[in-house]
Protein backbone atom coordinates (compact mmCIF):
# COMPACT_ATOMS: atom_id res chain seq x y z
CA UNK A 1 98.62 -164.45 -140.00
CA UNK A 2 95.73 -162.59 -138.36
CA UNK A 3 98.19 -159.98 -137.06
CA UNK A 4 99.44 -159.37 -140.59
CA UNK A 5 95.90 -158.95 -141.90
CA UNK A 6 95.04 -156.49 -139.12
CA UNK A 7 98.25 -154.54 -139.76
CA UNK A 8 97.55 -154.35 -143.51
CA UNK A 9 93.97 -153.26 -142.82
CA UNK A 10 95.24 -150.56 -140.46
CA UNK A 11 97.64 -149.17 -143.07
CA UNK A 12 94.92 -149.28 -145.73
CA UNK A 13 92.51 -147.32 -143.50
CA UNK A 14 95.22 -144.76 -142.72
CA UNK A 15 95.89 -144.45 -146.44
CA UNK A 16 92.20 -143.86 -147.17
CA UNK A 17 91.96 -141.25 -144.41
CA UNK A 18 95.00 -139.38 -145.76
CA UNK A 19 93.47 -139.36 -149.26
CA UNK A 20 90.17 -138.09 -147.86
CA UNK A 21 92.00 -135.29 -146.04
CA UNK A 22 94.11 -134.42 -149.09
CA UNK A 23 91.22 -134.31 -151.58
CA UNK A 24 88.52 -133.32 -149.11
CA UNK A 25 86.82 -129.95 -148.87
CA UNK A 26 89.14 -126.99 -148.81
CA UNK A 27 88.85 -124.08 -146.42
CA UNK A 28 86.20 -121.61 -147.40
CA UNK A 29 87.50 -118.18 -148.27
CA UNK A 30 85.06 -116.70 -145.76
CA UNK A 31 86.57 -113.23 -145.78
CA UNK A 32 85.90 -112.51 -149.45
CA UNK A 33 83.06 -110.27 -150.43
CA UNK A 34 80.50 -111.21 -153.06
CA UNK A 35 82.50 -109.32 -155.67
CA UNK A 36 85.56 -111.46 -154.99
CA UNK A 37 87.57 -108.76 -153.21
CA UNK A 38 88.89 -108.92 -149.69
CA UNK A 39 87.76 -106.66 -146.90
CA UNK A 40 90.46 -104.18 -146.00
CA UNK A 41 91.03 -102.48 -142.68
CA UNK A 42 91.87 -98.74 -142.83
CA UNK A 43 95.48 -99.59 -141.81
CA UNK A 44 95.92 -101.80 -144.92
CA UNK A 45 95.28 -105.01 -142.98
CA UNK A 46 93.24 -107.81 -144.58
CA UNK A 47 90.29 -109.24 -142.66
CA UNK A 48 90.75 -113.01 -142.29
CA UNK A 49 87.84 -114.05 -140.08
CA UNK A 50 86.23 -113.92 -136.68
CA UNK A 51 88.52 -114.72 -133.78
CA UNK A 52 86.14 -117.28 -132.24
CA UNK A 53 85.63 -119.09 -135.57
CA UNK A 54 89.37 -119.47 -136.14
CA UNK A 55 89.89 -120.61 -132.56
CA UNK A 56 87.29 -123.34 -133.12
CA UNK A 57 88.68 -124.53 -136.47
CA UNK A 58 92.33 -124.07 -135.38
CA UNK A 59 93.23 -122.80 -138.87
CA UNK A 60 91.96 -120.99 -141.94
CA UNK A 61 93.43 -120.34 -145.35
CA UNK A 62 93.06 -116.97 -147.02
CA UNK A 63 94.51 -114.87 -149.81
CA UNK A 64 96.36 -111.62 -149.30
CA UNK A 65 97.46 -109.81 -152.45
CA UNK A 66 96.89 -113.08 -154.41
CA UNK A 67 99.19 -114.93 -151.99
CA UNK A 68 97.74 -117.93 -150.18
CA UNK A 69 98.42 -117.93 -146.45
CA UNK A 70 97.31 -120.05 -143.53
CA UNK A 71 96.45 -118.67 -140.10
CA UNK A 72 96.82 -121.10 -137.21
CA UNK A 73 95.49 -120.81 -133.70
CA UNK A 74 97.82 -122.88 -131.55
CA UNK A 75 98.26 -122.85 -127.78
CA UNK A 76 96.61 -119.46 -127.32
CA UNK A 77 98.36 -117.64 -130.16
CA UNK A 78 97.60 -116.79 -133.78
CA UNK A 79 100.30 -117.42 -136.39
CA UNK A 80 100.18 -116.61 -140.12
CA UNK A 81 102.53 -118.13 -142.68
CA UNK A 82 102.64 -118.68 -146.41
CA UNK A 83 100.54 -121.78 -147.03
CA UNK A 84 103.28 -123.43 -149.05
CA UNK A 85 106.45 -124.53 -147.30
CA UNK A 86 109.76 -123.63 -148.88
CA UNK A 87 109.66 -126.86 -150.85
CA UNK A 88 106.03 -127.90 -151.39
CA UNK A 89 102.70 -127.50 -149.56
CA UNK A 90 101.80 -127.43 -145.89
CA UNK A 91 99.72 -130.01 -144.21
CA UNK A 92 98.34 -129.03 -140.87
CA UNK A 93 100.55 -131.17 -138.70
CA UNK A 94 101.91 -129.16 -135.79
CA UNK A 95 104.56 -130.71 -133.56
CA UNK A 96 106.52 -129.50 -130.58
CA UNK A 97 110.21 -129.58 -131.46
CA UNK A 98 112.73 -128.51 -128.86
CA UNK A 99 110.07 -126.37 -127.14
CA UNK A 100 108.88 -124.68 -130.34
CA UNK A 101 105.60 -125.22 -132.20
CA UNK A 102 106.51 -126.31 -135.75
CA UNK A 103 104.81 -127.24 -138.98
CA UNK A 104 106.12 -130.55 -140.32
CA UNK A 105 106.09 -130.99 -144.11
CA UNK A 106 104.51 -134.39 -144.82
CA UNK A 107 106.76 -135.07 -147.82
CA UNK A 108 110.17 -133.76 -146.86
CA UNK A 109 109.73 -133.74 -143.06
CA UNK A 110 111.03 -130.15 -142.96
CA UNK A 111 110.31 -128.51 -139.62
CA UNK A 112 109.34 -124.83 -139.68
CA UNK A 113 108.65 -122.81 -136.54
CA UNK A 114 105.28 -121.04 -136.36
CA UNK A 115 106.77 -118.13 -134.45
CA UNK A 116 109.72 -117.17 -136.66
CA UNK A 117 109.54 -119.20 -139.90
CA UNK A 118 112.92 -120.79 -139.16
CA UNK A 119 113.74 -124.18 -140.64
CA UNK A 120 115.01 -126.62 -138.01
CA UNK A 121 117.13 -129.72 -138.42
CA UNK A 122 118.69 -132.18 -136.04
CA UNK A 123 122.43 -132.32 -136.49
CA UNK A 124 125.59 -133.38 -134.72
CA UNK A 125 129.01 -131.84 -134.30
CA UNK A 126 131.40 -134.61 -135.35
CA UNK A 127 134.24 -132.87 -133.49
CA UNK A 128 132.57 -133.51 -130.13
CA UNK A 129 133.98 -136.49 -128.23
CA UNK A 130 130.58 -138.19 -128.14
CA UNK A 131 128.38 -136.35 -130.68
CA UNK A 132 124.72 -136.12 -129.77
CA UNK A 133 122.00 -134.76 -132.09
CA UNK A 134 120.84 -131.22 -131.32
CA UNK A 135 118.18 -129.07 -132.96
CA UNK A 136 119.71 -126.30 -135.01
CA UNK A 137 118.39 -123.50 -137.24
CA UNK A 138 118.72 -123.33 -141.02
CA UNK A 139 117.71 -119.68 -140.77
CA UNK A 140 114.36 -118.15 -141.67
CA UNK A 141 112.95 -120.11 -144.61
CA UNK A 142 109.25 -119.36 -144.38
CA UNK A 143 107.54 -116.01 -144.73
CA UNK A 144 105.46 -115.20 -141.67
CA UNK A 145 102.80 -112.50 -141.56
CA UNK A 146 101.82 -110.20 -138.70
CA UNK A 147 98.43 -111.00 -137.15
CA UNK A 148 96.32 -108.29 -135.50
CA UNK A 149 93.23 -108.95 -133.37
CA UNK A 150 90.76 -106.11 -133.10
CA UNK A 151 87.17 -106.24 -131.77
CA UNK A 152 86.99 -110.02 -132.22
CA UNK A 153 88.25 -109.85 -135.82
CA UNK A 154 91.51 -111.32 -137.10
CA UNK A 155 93.52 -109.27 -139.59
CA UNK A 156 96.81 -110.02 -141.34
CA UNK A 157 99.32 -107.48 -142.64
CA UNK A 158 100.28 -107.64 -146.31
CA UNK A 159 103.69 -109.22 -146.92
CA UNK A 160 106.80 -107.06 -146.98
CA UNK A 161 108.30 -108.29 -150.24
CA UNK A 162 111.44 -106.17 -149.87
CA UNK A 163 112.96 -109.16 -148.05
CA UNK A 164 113.04 -112.55 -149.80
CA UNK A 165 112.46 -115.97 -148.22
CA UNK A 166 112.70 -119.48 -149.65
CA UNK A 167 108.91 -119.91 -149.40
CA UNK A 168 108.43 -117.03 -151.87
CA UNK A 169 109.43 -119.28 -154.79
CA UNK A 170 106.54 -121.70 -154.22
CA UNK A 171 104.09 -118.97 -153.23
CA UNK A 172 104.75 -117.20 -156.55
CA UNK A 173 104.74 -120.45 -158.53
CA UNK A 174 101.35 -121.32 -157.04
CA UNK A 175 99.98 -117.87 -157.99
CA UNK A 176 101.01 -118.43 -161.61
CA UNK A 177 99.65 -121.90 -162.18
CA UNK A 178 98.02 -123.42 -159.13
CA UNK A 179 98.57 -126.94 -157.84
CA UNK A 180 98.95 -128.49 -161.29
CA UNK A 181 102.00 -126.37 -161.97
CA UNK A 182 103.44 -127.49 -158.65
CA UNK A 183 103.81 -131.07 -159.87
CA UNK A 184 101.76 -132.30 -156.95
């Protein structure tokens, strides 16, 4: 009976922690000026933050052309992606899947590579004599953004909207109505 009580208490504490993370303070839009605009680099890049600050925090959210993105610092590299996965919203869970750093959607368990924006799934080939699950690509699902480091500053290129990705739907939906429109 004591084991059951301890297990229930553990799940309750984990639940409270996840709520605190979900509703806790959001990232500060530290790159905005006092007039609400973003600082632009002469090459059209948007200033995101100081390299050392992002390395310490491991991530930062920002807006580029009214599009919310997240910049991760993971294993010595900077990665920028739309902050909403191609189905809902990102949580900052990064896992190694088949040798690739991936974001894992907490609701749908979608796996999206930081490097390319590809969606991964584990599937089998039923025609094999003894099918074994292997990681496979769904193709690029998530818009990634080019990150530039210059003089200790982190910049991100504006998105090239001439090519469409699945994450664009939720990025645009969020722009129009925020989290309430998302049916969170």
